PDB file of N, CA and C in Angstrom:
ATOM      1  N   MET A   1     121.185  46.275 299.937  1.00  0.00           N
ATOM      2  CA  MET A   1     121.311  47.485 299.102  1.00  0.00           C
ATOM      3  C   MET A   1     121.726  48.599 300.049  1.00  0.00           C
ATOM      4  N   GLU A   2     122.886  49.214 299.709  1.00  0.00           N
ATOM      5  CA  GLU A   2     123.348  50.257 300.667  1.00  0.00           C
ATOM      6  C   GLU A   2     123.102  51.596 299.815  1.00  0.00           C
ATOM      7  N   LEU A   3     122.289  52.507 300.310  1.00  0.00           N
ATOM      8  CA  LEU A   3     121.976  53.733 299.669  1.00  0.00           C
ATOM      9  C   LEU A   3     123.033  54.794 300.004  1.00  0.00           C
ATOM     10  N   MET A   4     123.175  55.720 299.090  1.00  0.00           N
ATOM     11  CA  MET A   4     124.075  56.872 299.373  1.00  0.00           C
ATOM     12  C   MET A   4     123.496  57.714 300.424  1.00  0.00           C
ATOM     13  N   ASN A   5     124.390  58.303 301.208  1.00  0.00           N
ATOM     14  CA  ASN A   5     123.819  59.237 302.255  1.00  0.00           C
ATOM     15  C   ASN A   5     123.397  60.500 301.451  1.00  0.00           C
ATOM     16  N   ILE A   6     122.554  61.342 302.259  1.00  0.00           N
ATOM     17  CA  ILE A   6     121.982  62.496 301.594  1.00  0.00           C
ATOM     18  C   ILE A   6     122.945  63.455 301.010  1.00  0.00           C
ATOM     19  N   ALA A   7     124.070  63.682 301.731  1.00  0.00           N
ATOM     20  CA  ALA A   7     124.955  64.582 301.229  1.00  0.00           C
ATOM     21  C   ALA A   7     125.500  64.159 299.962  1.00  0.00           C
ATOM     22  N   ARG A   8     125.741  62.908 299.735  1.00  0.00           N
ATOM     23  CA  ARG A   8     126.332  62.499 298.482  1.00  0.00           C
ATOM     24  C   ARG A   8     125.236  62.509 297.328  1.00  0.00           C
ATOM     25  N   VAL A   9     124.018  62.349 297.698  1.00  0.00           N
ATOM     26  CA  VAL A   9     122.943  62.522 296.719  1.00  0.00           C
ATOM     27  C   VAL A   9     122.791  63.930 296.268  1.00  0.00           C
ATOM     28  N   ARG A  10     122.931  64.851 297.232  1.00  0.00           N
ATOM     29  CA  ARG A  10     122.902  66.251 296.949  1.00  0.00           C
ATOM     30  C   ARG A  10     123.967  66.558 296.036  1.00  0.00           C
ATOM     31  N   TRP A  11     125.227  66.145 296.207  1.00  0.00           N
ATOM     32  CA  TRP A  11     126.375  66.353 295.351  1.00  0.00           C
ATOM     33  C   TRP A  11     126.150  65.734 293.970  1.00  0.00           C
ATOM     34  N   ALA A  12     125.607  64.611 293.890  1.00  0.00           N
ATOM     35  CA  ALA A  12     125.394  63.994 292.603  1.00  0.00           C
ATOM     36  C   ALA A  12     124.244  64.780 291.789  1.00  0.00           C
ATOM     37  N   CYS A  13     123.414  65.592 292.480  1.00  0.00           N
ATOM     38  CA  CYS A  13     122.427  66.353 291.797  1.00  0.00           C
ATOM     39  C   CYS A  13     123.005  67.519 291.197  1.00  0.00           C
ATOM     40  N   ARG A  14     124.189  67.958 291.483  1.00  0.00           N
ATOM     41  CA  ARG A  14     124.810  69.043 290.863  1.00  0.00           C
ATOM     42  C   ARG A  14     125.282  68.622 289.441  1.00  0.00           C
ATOM     43  N   ARG A  15     124.781  69.163 288.492  1.00  0.00           N
ATOM     44  CA  ARG A  15     125.030  68.662 286.998  1.00  0.00           C
ATOM     45  C   ARG A  15     125.685  69.744 286.277  1.00  0.00           C
ATOM     46  N   GLY A  16     125.964  69.422 285.116  1.00  0.00           N
ATOM     47  CA  GLY A  16     126.565  70.353 284.216  1.00  0.00           C
ATOM     48  C   GLY A  16     125.601  71.247 283.402  1.00  0.00           C
ATOM     49  N   MET A  17     124.336  70.896 283.629  1.00  0.00           N
ATOM     50  CA  MET A  17     123.290  71.635 282.968  1.00  0.00           C
ATOM     51  C   MET A  17     122.281  72.281 284.025  1.00  0.00           C
ATOM     52  N   LEU A  18     122.114  73.573 283.812  1.00  0.00           N
ATOM     53  CA  LEU A  18     121.251  74.200 284.721  1.00  0.00           C
ATOM     54  C   LEU A  18     119.870  73.683 284.765  1.00  0.00           C
ATOM     55  N   GLU A  19     119.349  73.192 283.645  1.00  0.00           N
ATOM     56  CA  GLU A  19     118.021  72.597 283.508  1.00  0.00           C
ATOM     57  C   GLU A  19     117.834  71.468 284.438  1.00  0.00           C
ATOM     58  N   LEU A  20     118.919  70.682 284.500  1.00  0.00           N
ATOM     59  CA  LEU A  20     118.804  69.470 285.406  1.00  0.00           C
ATOM     60  C   LEU A  20     119.015  69.884 286.890  1.00  0.00           C
ATOM     61  N   ASP A  21     119.723  70.803 287.156  1.00  0.00           N
ATOM     62  CA  ASP A  21     119.950  71.217 288.496  1.00  0.00           C
ATOM     63  C   ASP A  21     118.646  71.885 289.073  1.00  0.00           C
ATOM     64  N   VAL A  22     117.895  72.601 288.308  1.00  0.00           N
ATOM     65  CA  VAL A  22     116.603  73.123 288.595  1.00  0.00           C
ATOM     66  C   VAL A  22     115.640  72.080 288.923  1.00  0.00           C
ATOM     67  N   LEU A  23     115.675  70.905 288.357  1.00  0.00           N
ATOM     68  CA  LEU A  23     114.832  69.740 288.618  1.00  0.00           C
ATOM     69  C   LEU A  23     115.299  69.015 289.873  1.00  0.00           C
ATOM     70  N   PHE A  24     116.601  68.652 289.869  1.00  0.00           N
ATOM     71  CA  PHE A  24     117.025  67.585 290.962  1.00  0.00           C
ATOM     72  C   PHE A  24     117.176  68.172 292.192  1.00  0.00           C
ATOM     73  N   GLN A  25     117.741  69.391 292.344  1.00  0.00           N
ATOM     74  CA  GLN A  25     118.062  69.968 293.622  1.00  0.00           C
ATOM     75  C   GLN A  25     116.809  70.137 294.489  1.00  0.00           C
ATOM     76  N   PRO A  26     115.757  70.814 293.997  1.00  0.00           N
ATOM     77  CA  PRO A  26     114.568  70.894 294.825  1.00  0.00           C
ATOM     78  C   PRO A  26     113.918  69.640 295.122  1.00  0.00           C
ATOM     79  N   PHE A  27     113.985  68.731 294.137  1.00  0.00           N
ATOM     80  CA  PHE A  27     113.278  67.320 294.402  1.00  0.00           C
ATOM     81  C   PHE A  27     114.046  66.661 295.589  1.00  0.00           C
ATOM     82  N   VAL A  28     115.302  66.713 295.614  1.00  0.00           N
ATOM     83  CA  VAL A  28     116.062  66.102 296.744  1.00  0.00           C
ATOM     84  C   VAL A  28     115.796  66.788 298.019  1.00  0.00           C
ATOM     85  N   GLU A  29     115.757  68.116 298.058  1.00  0.00           N
ATOM     86  CA  GLU A  29     115.518  68.768 299.339  1.00  0.00           C
ATOM     87  C   GLU A  29     114.134  68.555 299.886  1.00  0.00           C
ATOM     88  N   GLN A  30     113.081  68.407 298.909  1.00  0.00           N
ATOM     89  CA  GLN A  30     111.710  68.368 299.371  1.00  0.00           C
ATOM     90  C   GLN A  30     111.053  66.980 299.380  1.00  0.00           C
ATOM     91  N   HIS A  31     111.630  66.048 298.569  1.00  0.00           N
ATOM     92  CA  HIS A  31     110.851  64.828 298.359  1.00  0.00           C
ATOM     93  C   HIS A  31     111.690  63.484 298.579  1.00  0.00           C
ATOM     94  N   TYR A  32     112.966  63.658 298.381  1.00  0.00           N
ATOM     95  CA  TYR A  32     113.812  62.426 298.368  1.00  0.00           C
ATOM     96  C   TYR A  32     113.722  61.583 299.676  1.00  0.00           C
ATOM     97  N   GLN A  33     113.705  62.213 300.830  1.00  0.00           N
ATOM     98  CA  GLN A  33     113.722  61.492 302.109  1.00  0.00           C
ATOM     99  C   GLN A  33     112.397  60.669 302.249  1.00  0.00           C
ATOM    100  N   ALA A  34     111.336  61.133 301.594  1.00  0.00           N
ATOM    101  CA  ALA A  34     109.959  60.473 301.794  1.00  0.00           C
ATOM    102  C   ALA A  34     109.840  59.256 300.873  1.00  0.00           C
ATOM    103  N   LEU A  35     110.901  59.023 299.923  1.00  0.00           N
ATOM    104  CA  LEU A  35     110.733  57.936 298.984  1.00  0.00           C
ATOM    105  C   LEU A  35     111.051  56.537 299.649  1.00  0.00           C
ATOM    106  N   ALA A  36     110.426  55.559 299.132  1.00  0.00           N
ATOM    107  CA  ALA A  36     110.799  54.262 299.608  1.00  0.00           C
ATOM    108  C   ALA A  36     112.236  53.963 299.181  1.00  0.00           C
ATOM    109  N   ASP A  37     112.913  53.023 299.894  1.00  0.00           N
ATOM    110  CA  ASP A  37     114.294  52.729 299.616  1.00  0.00           C
ATOM    111  C   ASP A  37     114.447  52.222 298.127  1.00  0.00           C
ATOM    112  N   LYS A  38     113.579  51.502 297.501  1.00  0.00           N
ATOM    113  CA  LYS A  38     113.625  51.039 296.179  1.00  0.00           C
ATOM    114  C   LYS A  38     113.557  52.306 295.309  1.00  0.00           C
ATOM    115  N   ASP A  39     112.708  53.265 295.589  1.00  0.00           N
ATOM    116  CA  ASP A  39     112.607  54.527 294.685  1.00  0.00           C
ATOM    117  C   ASP A  39     113.948  55.331 294.895  1.00  0.00           C
ATOM    118  N   LYS A  40     114.473  55.397 296.127  1.00  0.00           N
ATOM    119  CA  LYS A  40     115.739  56.120 296.336  1.00  0.00           C
ATOM    120  C   LYS A  40     116.741  55.536 295.419  1.00  0.00           C
ATOM    121  N   GLN A  41     116.877  54.203 295.466  1.00  0.00           N
ATOM    122  CA  GLN A  41     117.910  53.593 294.584  1.00  0.00           C
ATOM    123  C   GLN A  41     117.685  53.877 293.087  1.00  0.00           C
ATOM    124  N   THR A  42     116.435  53.876 292.733  1.00  0.00           N
ATOM    125  CA  THR A  42     116.045  54.223 291.280  1.00  0.00           C
ATOM    126  C   THR A  42     116.515  55.617 290.946  1.00  0.00           C
ATOM    127  N   PHE A  43     116.336  56.611 291.951  1.00  0.00           N
ATOM    128  CA  PHE A  43     116.722  57.962 291.696  1.00  0.00           C
ATOM    129  C   PHE A  43     118.150  58.026 291.608  1.00  0.00           C
ATOM    130  N   ILE A  44     118.931  57.265 292.512  1.00  0.00           N
ATOM    131  CA  ILE A  44     120.386  57.250 292.465  1.00  0.00           C
ATOM    132  C   ILE A  44     120.957  56.696 291.100  1.00  0.00           C
ATOM    133  N   ASP A  45     120.306  55.644 290.669  1.00  0.00           N
ATOM    134  CA  ASP A  45     120.556  55.040 289.389  1.00  0.00           C
ATOM    135  C   ASP A  45     120.280  56.006 288.236  1.00  0.00           C
ATOM    136  N   LEU A  46     119.283  56.831 288.310  1.00  0.00           N
ATOM    137  CA  LEU A  46     119.081  57.900 287.268  1.00  0.00           C
ATOM    138  C   LEU A  46     120.223  58.878 287.401  1.00  0.00           C
ATOM    139  N   LEU A  47     120.703  59.209 288.454  1.00  0.00           N
ATOM    140  CA  LEU A  47     121.747  60.244 288.604  1.00  0.00           C
ATOM    141  C   LEU A  47     123.034  59.814 287.968  1.00  0.00           C
ATOM    142  N   ALA A  48     123.215  58.453 287.839  1.00  0.00           N
ATOM    143  CA  ALA A  48     124.379  57.896 287.256  1.00  0.00           C
ATOM    144  C   ALA A  48     124.420  58.014 285.733  1.00  0.00           C
ATOM    145  N   CYS A  49     123.408  58.409 285.180  1.00  0.00           N
ATOM    146  CA  CYS A  49     123.262  58.606 283.711  1.00  0.00           C
ATOM    147  C   CYS A  49     123.921  59.872 283.251  1.00  0.00           C
ATOM    148  N   GLU A  50     124.231  59.934 281.970  1.00  0.00           N
ATOM    149  CA  GLU A  50     124.868  61.179 281.462  1.00  0.00           C
ATOM    150  C   GLU A  50     123.845  62.354 281.248  1.00  0.00           C
ATOM    151  N   ASP A  51     124.341  63.511 281.353  1.00  0.00           N
ATOM    152  CA  ASP A  51     123.409  64.672 281.186  1.00  0.00           C
ATOM    153  C   ASP A  51     122.699  64.800 279.961  1.00  0.00           C
ATOM    154  N   PRO A  52     123.340  64.489 278.806  1.00  0.00           N
ATOM    155  CA  PRO A  52     122.483  64.568 277.552  1.00  0.00           C
ATOM    156  C   PRO A  52     121.359  63.575 277.478  1.00  0.00           C
ATOM    157  N   GLU A  53     121.529  62.391 278.102  1.00  0.00           N
ATOM    158  CA  GLU A  53     120.402  61.368 278.170  1.00  0.00           C
ATOM    159  C   GLU A  53     119.343  61.915 279.009  1.00  0.00           C
ATOM    160  N   LEU A  54     119.787  62.410 280.222  1.00  0.00           N
ATOM    161  CA  LEU A  54     118.872  62.923 281.241  1.00  0.00           C
ATOM    162  C   LEU A  54     118.062  64.100 280.659  1.00  0.00           C
ATOM    163  N   PHE A  55     118.710  65.004 279.992  1.00  0.00           N
ATOM    164  CA  PHE A  55     118.068  66.151 279.352  1.00  0.00           C
ATOM    165  C   PHE A  55     116.949  65.716 278.419  1.00  0.00           C
ATOM    166  N   ALA A  56     117.376  64.735 277.515  1.00  0.00           N
ATOM    167  CA  ALA A  56     116.492  64.305 276.493  1.00  0.00           C
ATOM    168  C   ALA A  56     115.239  63.661 277.230  1.00  0.00           C
ATOM    169  N   TRP A  57     115.480  62.818 278.171  1.00  0.00           N
ATOM    170  CA  TRP A  57     114.302  62.141 278.927  1.00  0.00           C
ATOM    171  C   TRP A  57     113.451  63.143 279.685  1.00  0.00           C
ATOM    172  N   PHE A  58     114.032  64.090 280.359  1.00  0.00           N
ATOM    173  CA  PHE A  58     113.229  64.949 281.149  1.00  0.00           C
ATOM    174  C   PHE A  58     112.524  66.027 280.319  1.00  0.00           C
ATOM    175  N   MET A  59     113.097  66.257 279.083  1.00  0.00           N
ATOM    176  CA  MET A  59     112.431  67.333 278.302  1.00  0.00           C
ATOM    177  C   MET A  59     111.473  66.596 277.368  1.00  0.00           C
ATOM    178  N   GLY A  60     111.378  65.330 277.409  1.00  0.00           N
ATOM    179  CA  GLY A  60     110.411  64.533 276.584  1.00  0.00           C
ATOM    180  C   GLY A  60     110.871  64.343 275.129  1.00  0.00           C
ATOM    181  N   HIS A  61     112.115  64.575 274.767  1.00  0.00           N
ATOM    182  CA  HIS A  61     112.684  64.383 273.413  1.00  0.00           C
ATOM    183  C   HIS A  61     112.795  62.863 273.229  1.00  0.00           C
ATOM    184  N   GLU A  62     113.039  62.050 274.214  1.00  0.00           N
ATOM    185  CA  GLU A  62     113.279  60.528 274.158  1.00  0.00           C
ATOM    186  C   GLU A  62     112.602  60.015 275.401  1.00  0.00           C
ATOM    187  N   VAL A  63     112.358  58.662 275.232  1.00  0.00           N
ATOM    188  CA  VAL A  63     111.778  57.872 276.339  1.00  0.00           C
ATOM    189  C   VAL A  63     112.874  57.023 276.941  1.00  0.00           C
ATOM    190  N   CYS A  64     112.932  57.076 278.233  1.00  0.00           N
ATOM    191  CA  CYS A  64     113.958  56.348 278.906  1.00  0.00           C
ATOM    192  C   CYS A  64     113.593  54.827 278.783  1.00  0.00           C
ATOM    193  N   PRO A  65     114.537  53.964 278.378  1.00  0.00           N
ATOM    194  CA  PRO A  65     114.230  52.565 278.168  1.00  0.00           C
ATOM    195  C   PRO A  65     113.911  51.737 279.426  1.00  0.00           C
ATOM    196  N   ASP A  66     114.378  52.282 280.573  1.00  0.00           N
ATOM    197  CA  ASP A  66     114.331  51.523 281.840  1.00  0.00           C
ATOM    198  C   ASP A  66     112.899  51.999 282.451  1.00  0.00           C
ATOM    199  N   ALA A  67     111.992  51.073 282.615  1.00  0.00           N
ATOM    200  CA  ALA A  67     110.639  51.503 283.235  1.00  0.00           C
ATOM    201  C   ALA A  67     110.708  52.094 284.575  1.00  0.00           C
ATOM    202  N   ALA A  68     111.493  51.586 285.497  1.00  0.00           N
ATOM    203  CA  ALA A  68     111.517  52.209 286.763  1.00  0.00           C
ATOM    204  C   ALA A  68     112.125  53.681 286.765  1.00  0.00           C
ATOM    205  N   MET A  69     113.135  53.772 285.862  1.00  0.00           N
ATOM    206  CA  MET A  69     113.633  55.207 285.766  1.00  0.00           C
ATOM    207  C   MET A  69     112.725  56.103 285.105  1.00  0.00           C
ATOM    208  N   ALA A  70     111.947  55.603 284.054  1.00  0.00           N
ATOM    209  CA  ALA A  70     110.973  56.343 283.435  1.00  0.00           C
ATOM    210  C   ALA A  70     109.865  56.739 284.395  1.00  0.00           C
ATOM    211  N   ASP A  71     109.497  55.950 285.311  1.00  0.00           N
ATOM    212  CA  ASP A  71     108.560  56.317 286.352  1.00  0.00           C
ATOM    213  C   ASP A  71     109.097  57.382 287.219  1.00  0.00           C
ATOM    214  N   MET A  72     110.418  57.241 287.641  1.00  0.00           N
ATOM    215  CA  MET A  72     111.009  58.257 288.534  1.00  0.00           C
ATOM    216  C   MET A  72     111.107  59.592 287.852  1.00  0.00           C
ATOM    217  N   ILE A  73     111.286  59.681 286.513  1.00  0.00           N
ATOM    218  CA  ILE A  73     111.286  60.846 285.697  1.00  0.00           C
ATOM    219  C   ILE A  73     109.985  61.574 285.824  1.00  0.00           C
ATOM    220  N   VAL A  74     108.841  60.734 285.708  1.00  0.00           N
ATOM    221  CA  VAL A  74     107.520  61.324 285.860  1.00  0.00           C
ATOM    222  C   VAL A  74     107.344  61.849 287.337  1.00  0.00           C
ATOM    223  N   THR A  75     107.859  61.139 288.298  1.00  0.00           N
ATOM    224  CA  THR A  75     107.779  61.681 289.690  1.00  0.00           C
ATOM    225  C   THR A  75     108.515  62.916 289.847  1.00  0.00           C
ATOM    226  N   VAL A  76     109.693  63.032 289.454  1.00  0.00           N
ATOM    227  CA  VAL A  76     110.595  64.217 289.699  1.00  0.00           C
ATOM    228  C   VAL A  76     109.860  65.311 288.827  1.00  0.00           C
ATOM    229  N   ARG A  77     109.383  65.092 287.671  1.00  0.00           N
ATOM    230  CA  ARG A  77     108.920  66.251 286.819  1.00  0.00           C
ATOM    231  C   ARG A  77     107.504  66.718 287.512  1.00  0.00           C
ATOM    232  N   GLY A  78     106.830  65.795 287.987  1.00  0.00           N
ATOM    233  CA  GLY A  78     105.498  66.166 288.698  1.00  0.00           C
ATOM    234  C   GLY A  78     105.585  66.691 290.074  1.00  0.00           C
ATOM    235  N   SER A  79     106.796  66.683 290.699  1.00  0.00           N
ATOM    236  CA  SER A  79     106.918  67.227 291.999  1.00  0.00           C
ATOM    237  C   SER A  79     106.802  68.805 292.031  1.00  0.00           C
ATOM    238  N   PRO A  80     106.118  69.363 293.008  1.00  0.00           N
ATOM    239  CA  PRO A  80     106.086  70.820 293.090  1.00  0.00           C
ATOM    240  C   PRO A  80     107.422  71.484 293.246  1.00  0.00           C
ATOM    241  N   GLN A  81     107.617  72.491 292.511  1.00  0.00           N
ATOM    242  CA  GLN A  81     108.918  73.268 292.536  1.00  0.00           C
ATOM    243  C   GLN A  81     108.688  74.552 293.394  1.00  0.00           C
ATOM    244  N   PRO A  82     109.621  75.019 294.037  1.00  0.00           N
ATOM    245  CA  PRO A  82     109.477  76.249 294.853  1.00  0.00           C
ATOM    246  C   PRO A  82     109.329  77.522 293.940  1.00  0.00           C
TER     247      PRO A  82
END
């Protein structure tokens, strides 16, 4: 498994919705590097999803059907924000 370099992850965190930017960008800057490779890949997989899906999952309107990504959503939402 080849992970994205951090610059590409940062770029992928730039979304079309401010609500997602506010979640993803601080998480990547403060917590991404400390994740296990498996969790980094899950986060990258999550970033490949469409903004409306991500918004629904992160705001709790829908449940993500993928268990690993659902766990990552909990991790991102629970991470301290600046």
